[in-house]
Amino acid sequence: MELRCKESIDSQFIIKCYKKYWTNFEKNIVEGERCLQVLCDGQKSFTHDGLLFELKDYFGFENCLKK
């Protein structure tokens, strides 16, 4: 599979990564999500950044401090 961005060799890519954590008091666990995105930079052509790839994951683990 080949990914192209505006048919240009000097294309710019943006890589975004974020993580969020929160506490679920009802289940006594810590939950969260991670996301990795690869975008095509639209700044040169005055367009929005185009999403090329996204990997998202949700997770939860027990609060070991309460044990």
N, C-alpha and C. Protein backbone atom coordinates (compact mmCIF):
# COMPACT_ATOMS: atom_id res chain seq x y z
N MET A 1 0.84 -1.18 0.00
CA MET A 1 0.00 0.00 0.00
C MET A 1 0.88 1.23 0.00
N GLU A 2 0.60 2.16 -0.86
CA GLU A 2 1.40 3.37 -0.98
C GLU A 2 0.58 4.58 -0.55
N LEU A 3 1.15 5.43 0.30
CA LEU A 3 0.49 6.65 0.74
C LEU A 3 1.13 7.85 0.07
N ARG A 4 0.34 8.65 -0.59
CA ARG A 4 0.87 9.85 -1.23
C ARG A 4 0.21 11.08 -0.65
N CYS A 5 0.95 12.16 -0.66
CA CYS A 5 0.43 13.42 -0.12
C CYS A 5 0.66 14.51 -1.14
N LYS A 6 -0.35 14.93 -1.83
CA LYS A 6 -0.32 16.02 -2.80
C LYS A 6 0.63 15.76 -3.98
N GLU A 7 1.00 14.49 -4.23
CA GLU A 7 1.86 14.13 -5.36
C GLU A 7 3.16 14.92 -5.38
N SER A 8 3.68 15.26 -4.23
CA SER A 8 4.88 16.08 -4.14
C SER A 8 5.96 15.33 -3.37
N ILE A 9 7.21 15.47 -3.82
CA ILE A 9 8.32 14.79 -3.15
C ILE A 9 8.67 15.48 -1.84
N ASP A 10 8.54 16.79 -1.76
CA ASP A 10 8.91 17.52 -0.55
C ASP A 10 7.72 17.68 0.40
N SER A 11 6.85 16.71 0.45
CA SER A 11 5.68 16.74 1.32
C SER A 11 6.09 16.75 2.78
N GLN A 12 5.30 17.40 3.57
CA GLN A 12 5.54 17.48 5.01
C GLN A 12 4.49 16.64 5.72
N PHE A 13 4.93 15.91 6.72
CA PHE A 13 4.03 15.09 7.51
C PHE A 13 4.03 15.58 8.95
N ILE A 14 2.90 15.42 9.61
CA ILE A 14 2.75 15.79 11.02
C ILE A 14 2.44 14.50 11.77
N ILE A 15 3.15 14.28 12.86
CA ILE A 15 2.89 13.11 13.71
C ILE A 15 2.41 13.62 15.06
N LYS A 16 1.21 13.18 15.44
CA LYS A 16 0.62 13.58 16.72
C LYS A 16 0.46 12.34 17.59
N CYS A 17 0.74 12.53 18.87
CA CYS A 17 0.57 11.45 19.83
C CYS A 17 0.03 12.06 21.11
N TYR A 18 -1.02 11.46 21.66
CA TYR A 18 -1.53 11.94 22.94
C TYR A 18 -1.96 10.78 23.81
N LYS A 19 -1.96 11.01 25.11
CA LYS A 19 -2.42 10.04 26.10
C LYS A 19 -3.30 10.78 27.10
N LYS A 20 -4.38 10.13 27.52
CA LYS A 20 -5.26 10.69 28.55
C LYS A 20 -5.52 9.61 29.59
N TYR A 21 -5.54 10.01 30.85
CA TYR A 21 -5.84 9.11 31.96
C TYR A 21 -6.95 9.71 32.80
N TRP A 22 -7.80 8.86 33.37
CA TRP A 22 -8.82 9.32 34.30
C TRP A 22 -9.13 8.18 35.27
N THR A 23 -9.76 8.53 36.39
CA THR A 23 -10.08 7.55 37.42
C THR A 23 -11.57 7.24 37.38
N ASN A 24 -11.90 5.96 37.36
CA ASN A 24 -13.27 5.50 37.43
C ASN A 24 -13.50 5.04 38.86
N PHE A 25 -14.11 5.89 39.68
CA PHE A 25 -14.30 5.60 41.10
C PHE A 25 -15.31 4.47 41.34
N GLU A 26 -16.27 4.30 40.44
CA GLU A 26 -17.26 3.24 40.59
C GLU A 26 -16.64 1.85 40.48
N LYS A 27 -15.70 1.67 39.56
CA LYS A 27 -15.05 0.39 39.34
C LYS A 27 -13.68 0.30 40.04
N ASN A 28 -13.24 1.41 40.64
CA ASN A 28 -11.95 1.50 41.32
C ASN A 28 -10.78 1.13 40.39
N ILE A 29 -10.83 1.68 39.16
CA ILE A 29 -9.75 1.47 38.20
C ILE A 29 -9.34 2.79 37.57
N VAL A 30 -8.15 2.79 37.01
CA VAL A 30 -7.67 3.92 36.23
C VAL A 30 -7.82 3.54 34.76
N GLU A 31 -8.44 4.41 33.98
CA GLU A 31 -8.67 4.15 32.56
C GLU A 31 -7.92 5.20 31.74
N GLY A 32 -7.80 4.92 30.47
CA GLY A 32 -7.14 5.89 29.60
C GLY A 32 -7.25 5.51 28.15
N GLU A 33 -6.68 6.37 27.32
CA GLU A 33 -6.63 6.12 25.88
C GLU A 33 -5.34 6.70 25.32
N ARG A 34 -4.87 6.08 24.25
CA ARG A 34 -3.70 6.55 23.52
C ARG A 34 -4.09 6.70 22.06
N CYS A 35 -3.50 7.67 21.39
CA CYS A 35 -3.78 7.87 19.97
C CYS A 35 -2.51 8.34 19.26
N LEU A 36 -2.22 7.71 18.13
CA LEU A 36 -1.11 8.10 17.26
C LEU A 36 -1.70 8.43 15.90
N GLN A 37 -1.40 9.62 15.39
CA GLN A 37 -1.92 10.05 14.09
C GLN A 37 -0.77 10.50 13.19
N VAL A 38 -0.88 10.16 11.91
CA VAL A 38 0.03 10.67 10.88
C VAL A 38 -0.83 11.48 9.93
N LEU A 39 -0.47 12.76 9.77
CA LEU A 39 -1.25 13.66 8.93
C LEU A 39 -0.39 14.26 7.83
N CYS A 40 -1.02 14.60 6.73
CA CYS A 40 -0.36 15.31 5.64
C CYS A 40 -0.54 16.80 5.90
N ASP A 41 0.56 17.54 5.96
CA ASP A 41 0.52 18.97 6.26
C ASP A 41 -0.10 19.75 5.10
N GLY A 42 -1.18 20.46 5.36
CA GLY A 42 -1.86 21.22 4.32
C GLY A 42 -1.49 22.69 4.31
N GLN A 43 -0.44 23.07 5.03
CA GLN A 43 -0.09 24.49 5.15
C GLN A 43 0.34 25.11 3.82
N LYS A 44 1.10 24.40 3.01
CA LYS A 44 1.58 24.95 1.74
C LYS A 44 0.45 25.18 0.74
N SER A 45 -0.56 24.30 0.79
CA SER A 45 -1.67 24.42 -0.17
C SER A 45 -2.89 25.09 0.45
N PHE A 46 -2.73 25.63 1.67
CA PHE A 46 -3.80 26.34 2.38
C PHE A 46 -5.06 25.47 2.53
N THR A 47 -4.86 24.20 2.88
CA THR A 47 -5.97 23.28 3.12
C THR A 47 -5.82 22.70 4.52
N HIS A 48 -6.83 21.96 4.94
CA HIS A 48 -6.77 21.28 6.23
C HIS A 48 -5.76 20.14 6.16
N ASP A 49 -5.20 19.79 7.31
CA ASP A 49 -4.31 18.65 7.39
C ASP A 49 -5.11 17.38 7.12
N GLY A 50 -4.56 16.50 6.29
CA GLY A 50 -5.26 15.26 5.93
C GLY A 50 -4.80 14.09 6.77
N LEU A 51 -5.74 13.37 7.36
CA LEU A 51 -5.43 12.21 8.18
C LEU A 51 -5.06 11.03 7.28
N LEU A 52 -3.83 10.52 7.45
CA LEU A 52 -3.38 9.38 6.66
C LEU A 52 -3.48 8.07 7.44
N PHE A 53 -3.24 8.14 8.74
CA PHE A 53 -3.20 6.93 9.56
C PHE A 53 -3.55 7.29 10.99
N GLU A 54 -4.32 6.43 11.66
CA GLU A 54 -4.65 6.64 13.06
C GLU A 54 -4.67 5.30 13.78
N LEU A 55 -4.02 5.25 14.93
CA LEU A 55 -4.00 4.06 15.78
C LEU A 55 -4.46 4.48 17.16
N LYS A 56 -5.58 3.91 17.62
CA LYS A 56 -6.18 4.31 18.89
C LYS A 56 -6.32 3.08 19.79
N ASP A 57 -6.07 3.27 21.08
CA ASP A 57 -6.12 2.17 22.04
C ASP A 57 -6.74 2.67 23.33
N TYR A 58 -7.60 1.84 23.93
CA TYR A 58 -8.21 2.14 25.23
C TYR A 58 -7.71 1.11 26.23
N PHE A 59 -7.49 1.53 27.46
CA PHE A 59 -6.96 0.61 28.46
C PHE A 59 -7.49 0.95 29.83
N GLY A 60 -7.34 0.02 30.77
CA GLY A 60 -7.73 0.21 32.16
C GLY A 60 -6.89 -0.69 33.04
N PHE A 61 -6.60 -0.24 34.23
CA PHE A 61 -5.85 -1.06 35.18
C PHE A 61 -6.29 -0.73 36.59
N GLU A 62 -6.11 -1.68 37.47
CA GLU A 62 -6.54 -1.52 38.86
C GLU A 62 -5.65 -0.52 39.57
N ASN A 63 -6.24 0.21 40.49
CA ASN A 63 -5.49 1.17 41.29
C ASN A 63 -4.74 0.40 42.37
N CYS A 64 -3.45 0.18 42.20
CA CYS A 64 -2.67 -0.63 43.12
C CYS A 64 -2.42 0.08 44.46
N LEU A 65 -2.63 1.38 44.52
CA LEU A 65 -2.44 2.10 45.78
C LEU A 65 -3.55 1.80 46.78
N LYS A 66 -4.70 1.33 46.28
CA LYS A 66 -5.83 1.02 47.18
C LYS A 66 -5.75 -0.41 47.73
N LYS A 67 -4.80 -1.20 47.29
CA LYS A 67 -4.69 -2.60 47.73
C LYS A 67 -3.93 -2.73 49.02
